[in-house]
Each structure stands twice: as C-alpha cells, then as structure tokens.
Amino acid sequence: MIVLGVPRPCFTTPSFTTMAAPVTGVLSANGPRTGAGMWQAAGLAGKAHRSRARR
C-alpha cells in the first residue's frame, strides 16, 4: 500500500480502485503476468470484466 499511496492523489477513488487491482494481481499472481491472470489473482474474475482496467 505504500507504493500505491504515492500516485494516489492523481486518481479519483473509483479510478484508484481499478488501478490498484491489476497491481495487486501482478504482485500476487503465481503464473504468467497476463491481464486475465492479474485480474484473477486480484480476486476480481467473475465480479468485474477485465476490460474495465484498460480504460
């Protein structure tokens, strides 16, 4: 959270939440660091479509 706190002022609350999900996923993924893998590792698979992170 310290690393994510640095750019926090540059984002709105919903944008920050969306940006933090793939970052969390890349840090916790055990397999390849694909977009789908990061989204799944962040626990968002089935809850929100991964295209949301591309916006």
C-alpha atoms as a PDB file:
ATOM      1  CA  MET A   1       0.000   0.000   0.000  1.00  0.00           C
ATOM      2  CA  ILE A   2       2.951   2.342   0.492  1.00  0.00           C
ATOM      3  CA  VAL A   3       3.873   2.056  -3.186  1.00  0.00           C
ATOM      4  CA  LEU A   4       0.264   2.590  -4.262  1.00  0.00           C
ATOM      5  CA  GLY A   5      -0.056   5.586  -1.943  1.00  0.00           C
ATOM      6  CA  VAL A   6       2.434   7.651  -3.935  1.00  0.00           C
ATOM      7  CA  PRO A   7       0.299   8.101  -7.097  1.00  0.00           C
ATOM      8  CA  ARG A   8      -2.985   8.114  -5.101  1.00  0.00           C
ATOM      9  CA  PRO A   9      -3.595  11.889  -5.435  1.00  0.00           C
ATOM     10  CA  CYS A  10      -3.568  11.553  -9.240  1.00  0.00           C
ATOM     11  CA  PHE A  11      -6.667   9.324  -9.278  1.00  0.00           C
ATOM     12  CA  THR A  12     -10.309   9.585  -8.342  1.00  0.00           C
ATOM     13  CA  THR A  13     -11.458   6.962  -5.844  1.00  0.00           C
ATOM     14  CA  PRO A  14     -13.053   4.664  -8.476  1.00  0.00           C
ATOM     15  CA  SER A  15     -10.038   5.022 -10.801  1.00  0.00           C
ATOM     16  CA  PHE A  16      -7.607   4.279  -7.990  1.00  0.00           C
ATOM     17  CA  THR A  17      -9.527   1.140  -7.037  1.00  0.00           C
ATOM     18  CA  THR A  18      -9.448  -0.038 -10.658  1.00  0.00           C
ATOM     19  CA  MET A  19      -5.730   0.755 -10.999  1.00  0.00           C
ATOM     20  CA  ALA A  20      -4.857  -0.967  -7.717  1.00  0.00           C
ATOM     21  CA  ALA A  21      -6.492  -4.264  -8.749  1.00  0.00           C
ATOM     22  CA  PRO A  22      -4.013  -5.207 -11.533  1.00  0.00           C
ATOM     23  CA  VAL A  23      -1.087  -4.010  -9.421  1.00  0.00           C
ATOM     24  CA  THR A  24      -2.254  -6.257  -6.598  1.00  0.00           C
ATOM     25  CA  GLY A  25      -2.766  -9.070  -9.092  1.00  0.00           C
ATOM     26  CA  VAL A  26       0.713  -8.803 -10.588  1.00  0.00           C
ATOM     27  CA  LEU A  27       2.237  -8.967  -7.126  1.00  0.00           C
ATOM     28  CA  SER A  28       0.193 -11.993  -6.080  1.00  0.00           C
ATOM     29  CA  ALA A  29      -0.048 -13.973  -9.349  1.00  0.00           C
ATOM     30  CA  ASN A  30       1.731 -17.318  -9.378  1.00  0.00           C
ATOM     31  CA  GLY A  31       1.656 -17.870 -13.130  1.00  0.00           C
ATOM     32  CA  PRO A  32       2.240 -15.698 -16.171  1.00  0.00           C
ATOM     33  CA  ARG A  33       1.592 -11.993 -15.662  1.00  0.00           C
ATOM     34  CA  THR A  34      -1.214 -11.729 -18.209  1.00  0.00           C
ATOM     35  CA  GLY A  35      -4.095  -9.291 -17.911  1.00  0.00           C
ATOM     36  CA  ALA A  36      -6.522 -12.109 -17.186  1.00  0.00           C
ATOM     37  CA  GLY A  37      -4.120 -13.688 -14.700  1.00  0.00           C
ATOM     38  CA  MET A  38      -3.675 -10.427 -12.812  1.00  0.00           C
ATOM     39  CA  TRP A  39      -7.427  -9.847 -12.730  1.00  0.00           C
ATOM     40  CA  GLN A  40      -7.995 -13.366 -11.404  1.00  0.00           C
ATOM     41  CA  ALA A  41      -5.198 -13.110  -8.806  1.00  0.00           C
ATOM     42  CA  ALA A  42      -6.709  -9.862  -7.563  1.00  0.00           C
ATOM     43  CA  GLY A  43      -9.959 -11.749  -6.931  1.00  0.00           C
ATOM     44  CA  LEU A  44     -11.982  -9.833  -9.488  1.00  0.00           C
ATOM     45  CA  ALA A  45     -12.668 -12.604 -12.004  1.00  0.00           C
ATOM     46  CA  GLY A  46     -16.422 -13.010 -12.242  1.00  0.00           C
ATOM     47  CA  LYS A  47     -17.041  -9.767 -10.339  1.00  0.00           C
ATOM     48  CA  ALA A  48     -15.932  -7.180 -12.895  1.00  0.00           C
ATOM     49  CA  HIS A  49     -14.859  -7.548 -16.528  1.00  0.00           C
ATOM     50  CA  ARG A  50     -11.126  -7.102 -17.036  1.00  0.00           C
ATOM     51  CA  SER A  51     -11.708  -4.573 -19.825  1.00  0.00           C
ATOM     52  CA  ARG A  52     -12.504  -2.149 -17.015  1.00  0.00           C
ATOM     53  CA  ALA A  53      -8.773  -1.943 -16.233  1.00  0.00           C
ATOM     54  CA  ARG A  54      -7.940  -0.949 -19.809  1.00  0.00           C
ATOM     55  CA  ARG A  55      -9.922   2.270 -19.698  1.00  0.00           C
END
